[in-house]
């Protein structure tokens, strides 16, 4: 202890013999951070790593379940069906408008024939792609009435000219009306667009299709499957 200087005691260092010369070597006292990583105890740091790894694995599993490599997101959404059946009486009474702004309802467009009623929007690309299929079916089968319902977006104020232009570009000749406040869309319990309803001559819902028809055969099969008995 005679070789230990008072200053060493005060600063927390002690003299130790040098490896060869016997000269005292200053050895720093523990700083209080030994056994830590970035200021955390090693045990705590390890636990954090484990929790982060588990969270990342869970996120990956959820993502792969919701969006699998075999099924695109838009396909998955297209197969959704309405959560509950629509009330046909309420649907018939919802306030709609003609293209030139006059009030109308679905009931005003029933003529006793079964009806294919298609909800679409000018901003919905699958809706536009599907419209020539609906037009071809309309021309091929006059025993079925066809009616389009344009569901206005809540945002753009100039959407009606765009809707009119798209209807002209797709060449549809069947009538279409306007759901200005999206009341008809929600009353129909639609889960997305396009949504197509098949109604009997009195407006009762026989079938609902969410998402675009893949081709003319798909649409024809859907109509034939759900066509009411004469």
C-alpha atoms as a PDB file:
ATOM      1  CA  UNK A   1       0.000   0.000   0.000  1.00  0.00           C
ATOM      2  CA  UNK A   2       3.022   2.324   0.363  1.00  0.00           C
ATOM      3  CA  UNK A   3       3.266   2.490  -3.450  1.00  0.00           C
ATOM      4  CA  UNK A   4      -0.298   3.763  -3.831  1.00  0.00           C
ATOM      5  CA  UNK A   5      -0.367   7.527  -4.058  1.00  0.00           C
ATOM      6  CA  UNK A   6      -3.062   9.528  -2.323  1.00  0.00           C
ATOM      7  CA  UNK A   7      -4.029  11.067  -5.685  1.00  0.00           C
ATOM      8  CA  UNK A   8      -4.711   7.570  -7.022  1.00  0.00           C
ATOM      9  CA  UNK A   9      -7.125   6.902  -4.195  1.00  0.00           C
ATOM     10  CA  UNK A  10      -8.947  10.158  -4.814  1.00  0.00           C
ATOM     11  CA  UNK A  11      -9.340   9.599  -8.559  1.00  0.00           C
ATOM     12  CA  UNK A  12     -10.290   5.935  -8.298  1.00  0.00           C
ATOM     13  CA  UNK A  13      -7.144   4.566  -9.964  1.00  0.00           C
ATOM     14  CA  UNK A  14      -4.554   2.253  -8.521  1.00  0.00           C
ATOM     15  CA  UNK A  15      -0.986   1.624  -9.500  1.00  0.00           C
ATOM     16  CA  UNK A  16      -0.268  -1.808 -10.893  1.00  0.00           C
ATOM     17  CA  UNK A  17       3.109  -3.179 -11.866  1.00  0.00           C
ATOM     18  CA  UNK A  18       4.000  -2.774 -15.532  1.00  0.00           C
ATOM     19  CA  UNK A  19       4.364  -5.934 -17.570  1.00  0.00           C
ATOM     20  CA  UNK A  20       8.178  -5.744 -17.759  1.00  0.00           C
ATOM     21  CA  UNK A  21       9.598  -2.645 -16.186  1.00  0.00           C
ATOM     22  CA  UNK A  22       7.845  -2.780 -12.850  1.00  0.00           C
ATOM     23  CA  UNK A  23       6.669   0.786 -13.422  1.00  0.00           C
ATOM     24  CA  UNK A  24       3.168   1.464 -12.056  1.00  0.00           C
ATOM     25  CA  UNK A  25       0.464   1.483 -14.703  1.00  0.00           C
ATOM     26  CA  UNK A  26      -2.746   3.455 -14.230  1.00  0.00           C
ATOM     27  CA  UNK A  27      -5.867   1.215 -14.368  1.00  0.00           C
ATOM     28  CA  UNK A  28      -9.186   3.052 -14.835  1.00  0.00           C
ATOM     29  CA  UNK A  29     -11.923   2.282 -12.348  1.00  0.00           C
ATOM     30  CA  UNK A  30     -15.198   0.778 -13.655  1.00  0.00           C
ATOM     31  CA  UNK A  31     -17.363   3.436 -15.260  1.00  0.00           C
ATOM     32  CA  UNK A  32     -20.701   1.856 -14.284  1.00  0.00           C
ATOM     33  CA  UNK A  33     -21.451   0.907 -17.959  1.00  0.00           C
ATOM     34  CA  UNK A  34     -19.784  -2.489 -17.952  1.00  0.00           C
ATOM     35  CA  UNK A  35     -22.109  -5.257 -19.195  1.00  0.00           C
ATOM     36  CA  UNK A  36     -24.254  -2.796 -21.174  1.00  0.00           C
ATOM     37  CA  UNK A  37     -24.993  -2.176 -24.862  1.00  0.00           C
ATOM     38  CA  UNK A  38     -25.718   1.414 -25.855  1.00  0.00           C
ATOM     39  CA  UNK A  39     -26.357   2.210 -22.237  1.00  0.00           C
ATOM     40  CA  UNK A  40     -28.790  -0.707 -21.693  1.00  0.00           C
ATOM     41  CA  UNK A  41     -28.063  -3.840 -19.676  1.00  0.00           C
ATOM     42  CA  UNK A  42     -27.218  -6.737 -21.971  1.00  0.00           C
ATOM     43  CA  UNK A  43     -30.250  -8.698 -20.740  1.00  0.00           C
ATOM     44  CA  UNK A  44     -32.620  -5.812 -21.506  1.00  0.00           C
ATOM     45  CA  UNK A  45     -31.046  -5.291 -24.946  1.00  0.00           C
ATOM     46  CA  UNK A  46     -31.438  -8.972 -25.783  1.00  0.00           C
ATOM     47  CA  UNK A  47     -35.099  -8.926 -24.757  1.00  0.00           C
ATOM     48  CA  UNK A  48     -35.698  -5.875 -27.000  1.00  0.00           C
ATOM     49  CA  UNK A  49     -34.120  -7.699 -29.941  1.00  0.00           C
ATOM     50  CA  UNK A  50     -36.358 -10.715 -29.392  1.00  0.00           C
ATOM     51  CA  UNK A  51     -39.516  -8.572 -29.207  1.00  0.00           C
ATOM     52  CA  UNK A  52     -38.568  -6.722 -32.413  1.00  0.00           C
ATOM     53  CA  UNK A  53     -37.923  -9.998 -34.241  1.00  0.00           C
ATOM     54  CA  UNK A  54     -41.279 -11.444 -33.153  1.00  0.00           C
ATOM     55  CA  UNK A  55     -43.097  -8.256 -34.255  1.00  0.00           C
ATOM     56  CA  UNK A  56     -41.424  -8.346 -37.675  1.00  0.00           C
ATOM     57  CA  UNK A  57     -42.334 -12.010 -38.149  1.00  0.00           C
ATOM     58  CA  UNK A  58     -45.958 -11.359 -37.191  1.00  0.00           C
ATOM     59  CA  UNK A  59     -46.174  -8.419 -39.607  1.00  0.00           C
ATOM     60  CA  UNK A  60     -44.816 -10.593 -42.403  1.00  0.00           C
ATOM     61  CA  UNK A  61     -47.322 -13.349 -41.716  1.00  0.00           C
ATOM     62  CA  UNK A  62     -50.238 -10.888 -41.685  1.00  0.00           C
ATOM     63  CA  UNK A  63     -49.101  -9.306 -44.959  1.00  0.00           C
ATOM     64  CA  UNK A  64     -48.698 -12.674 -46.671  1.00  0.00           C
ATOM     65  CA  UNK A  65     -52.162 -13.707 -45.476  1.00  0.00           C
ATOM     66  CA  UNK A  66     -53.907 -10.537 -46.652  1.00  0.00           C
ATOM     67  CA  UNK A  67     -52.007 -10.163 -49.927  1.00  0.00           C
ATOM     68  CA  UNK A  68     -50.717 -13.515 -51.103  1.00  0.00           C
ATOM     69  CA  UNK A  69     -48.409 -13.783 -54.097  1.00  0.00           C
ATOM     70  CA  UNK A  70     -51.068 -15.775 -55.941  1.00  0.00           C
ATOM     71  CA  UNK A  71     -53.888 -13.235 -55.569  1.00  0.00           C
ATOM     72  CA  UNK A  72     -53.573  -9.491 -56.309  1.00  0.00           C
ATOM     73  CA  UNK A  73     -55.209  -7.052 -53.914  1.00  0.00           C
ATOM     74  CA  UNK A  74     -57.756  -5.828 -56.449  1.00  0.00           C
ATOM     75  CA  UNK A  75     -58.859  -9.423 -57.133  1.00  0.00           C
ATOM     76  CA  UNK A  76     -59.392 -10.070 -53.436  1.00  0.00           C
ATOM     77  CA  UNK A  77     -61.478  -6.920 -53.097  1.00  0.00           C
ATOM     78  CA  UNK A  78     -63.457  -7.767 -56.215  1.00  0.00           C
ATOM     79  CA  UNK A  79     -64.687 -11.003 -54.634  1.00  0.00           C
ATOM     80  CA  UNK A  80     -66.151  -9.331 -51.546  1.00  0.00           C
ATOM     81  CA  UNK A  81     -69.916  -9.528 -51.222  1.00  0.00           C
ATOM     82  CA  UNK A  82     -72.178  -7.082 -49.372  1.00  0.00           C
ATOM     83  CA  UNK A  83     -72.244  -7.648 -45.628  1.00  0.00           C
ATOM     84  CA  UNK A  84     -76.028  -7.813 -45.506  1.00  0.00           C
ATOM     85  CA  UNK A  85     -78.976  -7.954 -47.862  1.00  0.00           C
ATOM     86  CA  UNK A  86     -80.401  -4.659 -49.070  1.00  0.00           C
ATOM     87  CA  UNK A  87     -84.002  -3.686 -48.341  1.00  0.00           C
ATOM     88  CA  UNK A  88     -85.678  -3.627 -51.788  1.00  0.00           C
ATOM     89  CA  UNK A  89     -88.455  -1.269 -50.698  1.00  0.00           C
ATOM     90  CA  UNK A  90     -85.955   1.256 -49.379  1.00  0.00           C
ATOM     91  CA  UNK A  91     -83.833   0.863 -52.508  1.00  0.00           C
ATOM     92  CA  UNK A  92     -86.788   1.606 -54.771  1.00  0.00           C
ATOM     93  CA  UNK A  93     -87.509   4.834 -52.878  1.00  0.00           C
ATOM     94  CA  UNK A  94     -83.999   6.348 -52.738  1.00  0.00           C
ATOM     95  CA  UNK A  95     -83.844   9.737 -54.415  1.00  0.00           C
ATOM     96  CA  UNK A  96     -81.794   9.692 -57.620  1.00  0.00           C
ATOM     97  CA  UNK A  97     -81.393  12.080 -60.548  1.00  0.00           C
ATOM     98  CA  UNK A  98     -81.435  11.870 -64.309  1.00  0.00           C
ATOM     99  CA  UNK A  99     -78.355  12.914 -66.256  1.00  0.00           C
ATOM    100  CA  UNK A 100     -79.914  16.356 -66.788  1.00  0.00           C
ATOM    101  CA  UNK A 101     -80.607  16.778 -63.071  1.00  0.00           C
ATOM    102  CA  UNK A 102     -84.298  15.865 -62.765  1.00  0.00           C
ATOM    103  CA  UNK A 103     -85.353  13.818 -59.699  1.00  0.00           C
ATOM    104  CA  UNK A 104     -86.121  10.138 -60.202  1.00  0.00           C
ATOM    105  CA  UNK A 105     -86.084   6.793 -58.412  1.00  0.00           C
ATOM    106  CA  UNK A 106     -85.321   3.199 -59.264  1.00  0.00           C
ATOM    107  CA  UNK A 107     -89.043   2.425 -59.101  1.00  0.00           C
ATOM    108  CA  UNK A 108     -89.636   4.834 -61.986  1.00  0.00           C
ATOM    109  CA  UNK A 109     -87.385   2.733 -64.244  1.00  0.00           C
ATOM    110  CA  UNK A 110     -88.984  -0.673 -63.671  1.00  0.00           C
ATOM    111  CA  UNK A 111     -91.026  -1.889 -66.626  1.00  0.00           C
ATOM    112  CA  UNK A 112     -91.854  -5.463 -65.589  1.00  0.00           C
ATOM    113  CA  UNK A 113     -88.712  -7.014 -67.064  1.00  0.00           C
ATOM    114  CA  UNK A 114     -85.866  -8.382 -64.952  1.00  0.00           C
ATOM    115  CA  UNK A 115     -83.181  -5.722 -64.636  1.00  0.00           C
ATOM    116  CA  UNK A 116     -79.382  -5.703 -64.553  1.00  0.00           C
ATOM    117  CA  UNK A 117     -78.513  -2.626 -62.501  1.00  0.00           C
ATOM    118  CA  UNK A 118     -74.869  -1.561 -62.578  1.00  0.00           C
ATOM    119  CA  UNK A 119     -73.273   0.897 -60.135  1.00  0.00           C
ATOM    120  CA  UNK A 120     -70.262   2.651 -61.638  1.00  0.00           C
ATOM    121  CA  UNK A 121     -68.199   5.830 -61.391  1.00  0.00           C
ATOM    122  CA  UNK A 122     -66.156   7.848 -63.852  1.00  0.00           C
ATOM    123  CA  UNK A 123     -63.056   7.391 -61.649  1.00  0.00           C
ATOM    124  CA  UNK A 124     -63.405   3.571 -61.441  1.00  0.00           C
ATOM    125  CA  UNK A 125     -61.242   1.928 -64.120  1.00  0.00           C
ATOM    126  CA  UNK A 126     -62.781  -1.590 -63.767  1.00  0.00           C
ATOM    127  CA  UNK A 127     -66.218  -0.013 -64.149  1.00  0.00           C
ATOM    128  CA  UNK A 128     -65.262   1.552 -67.470  1.00  0.00           C
ATOM    129  CA  UNK A 129     -63.644  -1.646 -68.742  1.00  0.00           C
ATOM    130  CA  UNK A 130     -66.833  -3.570 -67.956  1.00  0.00           C
ATOM    131  CA  UNK A 131     -69.313  -1.233 -69.640  1.00  0.00           C
ATOM    132  CA  UNK A 132     -68.886  -2.591 -73.205  1.00  0.00           C
ATOM    133  CA  UNK A 133     -69.755  -6.066 -71.840  1.00  0.00           C
ATOM    134  CA  UNK A 134     -72.962  -4.693 -70.349  1.00  0.00           C
ATOM    135  CA  UNK A 135     -73.794  -2.907 -73.584  1.00  0.00           C
ATOM    136  CA  UNK A 136     -73.284  -6.086 -75.631  1.00  0.00           C
ATOM    137  CA  UNK A 137     -75.558  -8.055 -73.272  1.00  0.00           C
ATOM    138  CA  UNK A 138     -78.146  -5.272 -73.412  1.00  0.00           C
ATOM    139  CA  UNK A 139     -78.230  -5.435 -77.208  1.00  0.00           C
ATOM    140  CA  UNK A 140     -78.230  -9.248 -77.317  1.00  0.00           C
ATOM    141  CA  UNK A 141     -81.070  -9.835 -74.825  1.00  0.00           C
ATOM    142  CA  UNK A 142     -83.995  -7.361 -74.978  1.00  0.00           C
ATOM    143  CA  UNK A 143     -85.894  -9.453 -72.428  1.00  0.00           C
ATOM    144  CA  UNK A 144     -83.610  -7.983 -69.743  1.00  0.00           C
ATOM    145  CA  UNK A 145     -83.632  -4.283 -68.855  1.00  0.00           C
ATOM    146  CA  UNK A 146     -80.291  -2.614 -68.165  1.00  0.00           C
ATOM    147  CA  UNK A 147     -79.796   0.477 -66.010  1.00  0.00           C
ATOM    148  CA  UNK A 148     -76.605   2.221 -64.936  1.00  0.00           C
ATOM    149  CA  UNK A 149     -76.282   4.236 -61.737  1.00  0.00           C
ATOM    150  CA  UNK A 150     -73.359   6.641 -61.628  1.00  0.00           C
ATOM    151  CA  UNK A 151     -72.180   7.053 -58.034  1.00  0.00           C
ATOM    152  CA  UNK A 152     -70.817  10.566 -57.662  1.00  0.00           C
ATOM    153  CA  UNK A 153     -67.559  11.023 -55.803  1.00  0.00           C
ATOM    154  CA  UNK A 154     -67.825  13.352 -52.830  1.00  0.00           C
ATOM    155  CA  UNK A 155     -64.855  15.422 -53.940  1.00  0.00           C
ATOM    156  CA  UNK A 156     -64.759  16.721 -57.547  1.00  0.00           C
ATOM    157  CA  UNK A 157     -67.497  19.154 -58.537  1.00  0.00           C
ATOM    158  CA  UNK A 158     -66.932  18.734 -62.282  1.00  0.00           C
ATOM    159  CA  UNK A 159     -67.454  14.973 -62.359  1.00  0.00           C
ATOM    160  CA  UNK A 160     -70.736  14.899 -64.294  1.00  0.00           C
ATOM    161  CA  UNK A 161     -69.155  16.106 -67.557  1.00  0.00           C
ATOM    162  CA  UNK A 162     -66.519  13.403 -67.096  1.00  0.00           C
ATOM    163  CA  UNK A 163     -69.208  10.777 -66.462  1.00  0.00           C
ATOM    164  CA  UNK A 164     -71.127  11.845 -69.569  1.00  0.00           C
ATOM    165  CA  UNK A 165     -67.971  11.765 -71.675  1.00  0.00           C
ATOM    166  CA  UNK A 166     -67.011   8.287 -70.456  1.00  0.00           C
ATOM    167  CA  UNK A 167     -70.508   6.949 -71.076  1.00  0.00           C
ATOM    168  CA  UNK A 168     -70.272   8.244 -74.635  1.00  0.00           C
ATOM    169  CA  UNK A 169     -66.784   6.836 -75.149  1.00  0.00           C
ATOM    170  CA  UNK A 170     -67.802   3.362 -73.972  1.00  0.00           C
ATOM    171  CA  UNK A 171     -70.770   3.449 -76.355  1.00  0.00           C
ATOM    172  CA  UNK A 172     -73.494   2.403 -73.900  1.00  0.00           C
ATOM    173  CA  UNK A 173     -77.036   2.912 -75.137  1.00  0.00           C
ATOM    174  CA  UNK A 174     -78.891   1.689 -72.058  1.00  0.00           C
ATOM    175  CA  UNK A 175     -80.106   4.454 -69.704  1.00  0.00           C
ATOM    176  CA  UNK A 176     -78.153   5.586 -66.661  1.00  0.00           C
ATOM    177  CA  UNK A 177     -79.025   7.804 -63.741  1.00  0.00           C
ATOM    178  CA  UNK A 178     -77.094   9.497 -60.936  1.00  0.00           C
ATOM    179  CA  UNK A 179     -76.608   8.736 -57.244  1.00  0.00           C
ATOM    180  CA  UNK A 180     -75.520  12.244 -56.277  1.00  0.00           C
ATOM    181  CA  UNK A 181     -75.157  11.704 -52.524  1.00  0.00           C
ATOM    182  CA  UNK A 182     -74.119   8.029 -52.528  1.00  0.00           C
ATOM    183  CA  UNK A 183     -77.372   7.188 -50.698  1.00  0.00           C
ATOM    184  CA  UNK A 184     -78.272   4.520 -53.249  1.00  0.00           C
ATOM    185  CA  UNK A 185     -74.800   2.979 -53.006  1.00  0.00           C
ATOM    186  CA  UNK A 186     -75.089   2.579 -49.226  1.00  0.00           C
ATOM    187  CA  UNK A 187     -78.737   1.473 -49.341  1.00  0.00           C
ATOM    188  CA  UNK A 188     -77.685  -1.254 -51.795  1.00  0.00           C
ATOM    189  CA  UNK A 189     -75.141  -2.457 -49.178  1.00  0.00           C
ATOM    190  CA  UNK A 190     -72.476  -2.292 -51.872  1.00  0.00           C
ATOM    191  CA  UNK A 191     -68.972  -3.337 -50.836  1.00  0.00           C
ATOM    192  CA  UNK A 192     -67.142  -1.671 -53.735  1.00  0.00           C
ATOM    193  CA  UNK A 193     -67.410  -0.762 -57.388  1.00  0.00           C
ATOM    194  CA  UNK A 194     -68.451  -1.859 -59.793  1.00  0.00           C
ATOM    195  CA  UNK A 195     -71.430  -3.511 -58.110  1.00  0.00           C
ATOM    196  CA  UNK A 196     -74.147  -5.146 -60.202  1.00  0.00           C
ATOM    197  CA  UNK A 197     -77.607  -6.113 -58.948  1.00  0.00           C
ATOM    198  CA  UNK A 198     -80.014  -8.435 -60.730  1.00  0.00           C
ATOM    199  CA  UNK A 199     -83.624  -7.495 -59.983  1.00  0.00           C
ATOM    200  CA  UNK A 200     -86.898  -9.108 -60.855  1.00  0.00           C
ATOM    201  CA  UNK A 201     -89.692  -7.138 -62.522  1.00  0.00           C
ATOM    202  CA  UNK A 202     -90.849  -5.755 -59.163  1.00  0.00           C
ATOM    203  CA  UNK A 203     -87.433  -4.649 -57.984  1.00  0.00           C
ATOM    204  CA  UNK A 204     -86.651  -7.552 -55.679  1.00  0.00           C
ATOM    205  CA  UNK A 205     -82.942  -8.403 -55.576  1.00  0.00           C
ATOM    206  CA  UNK A 206     -82.175 -11.816 -57.068  1.00  0.00           C
ATOM    207  CA  UNK A 207     -78.369 -11.618 -57.060  1.00  0.00           C
ATOM    208  CA  UNK A 208     -75.478  -9.268 -56.313  1.00  0.00           C
ATOM    209  CA  UNK A 209     -72.057  -9.143 -57.937  1.00  0.00           C
ATOM    210  CA  UNK A 210     -69.186  -7.076 -56.510  1.00  0.00           C
ATOM    211  CA  UNK A 211     -66.349  -6.487 -58.958  1.00  0.00           C
ATOM    212  CA  UNK A 212     -66.221  -6.468 -62.750  1.00  0.00           C
ATOM    213  CA  UNK A 213     -67.264  -9.397 -64.922  1.00  0.00           C
ATOM    214  CA  UNK A 214     -64.237 -10.984 -66.538  1.00  0.00           C
ATOM    215  CA  UNK A 215     -65.782 -11.373 -70.002  1.00  0.00           C
ATOM    216  CA  UNK A 216     -69.070 -11.693 -71.895  1.00  0.00           C
ATOM    217  CA  UNK A 217     -69.421 -15.384 -71.000  1.00  0.00           C
ATOM    218  CA  UNK A 218     -69.041 -14.573 -67.300  1.00  0.00           C
ATOM    219  CA  UNK A 219     -71.818 -11.969 -67.498  1.00  0.00           C
ATOM    220  CA  UNK A 220     -74.094 -14.225 -69.561  1.00  0.00           C
ATOM    221  CA  UNK A 221     -73.656 -17.124 -67.132  1.00  0.00           C
ATOM    222  CA  UNK A 222     -74.475 -14.846 -64.174  1.00  0.00           C
ATOM    223  CA  UNK A 223     -77.666 -13.640 -65.869  1.00  0.00           C
ATOM    224  CA  UNK A 224     -78.762 -17.155 -66.887  1.00  0.00           C
ATOM    225  CA  UNK A 225     -78.073 -18.562 -63.412  1.00  0.00           C
ATOM    226  CA  UNK A 226     -80.164 -15.908 -61.681  1.00  0.00           C
ATOM    227  CA  UNK A 227     -82.827 -15.296 -64.324  1.00  0.00           C
ATOM    228  CA  UNK A 228     -86.305 -15.652 -62.780  1.00  0.00           C
ATOM    229  CA  UNK A 229     -88.692 -18.243 -64.095  1.00  0.00           C
ATOM    230  CA  UNK A 230     -91.126 -16.822 -66.690  1.00  0.00           C
END
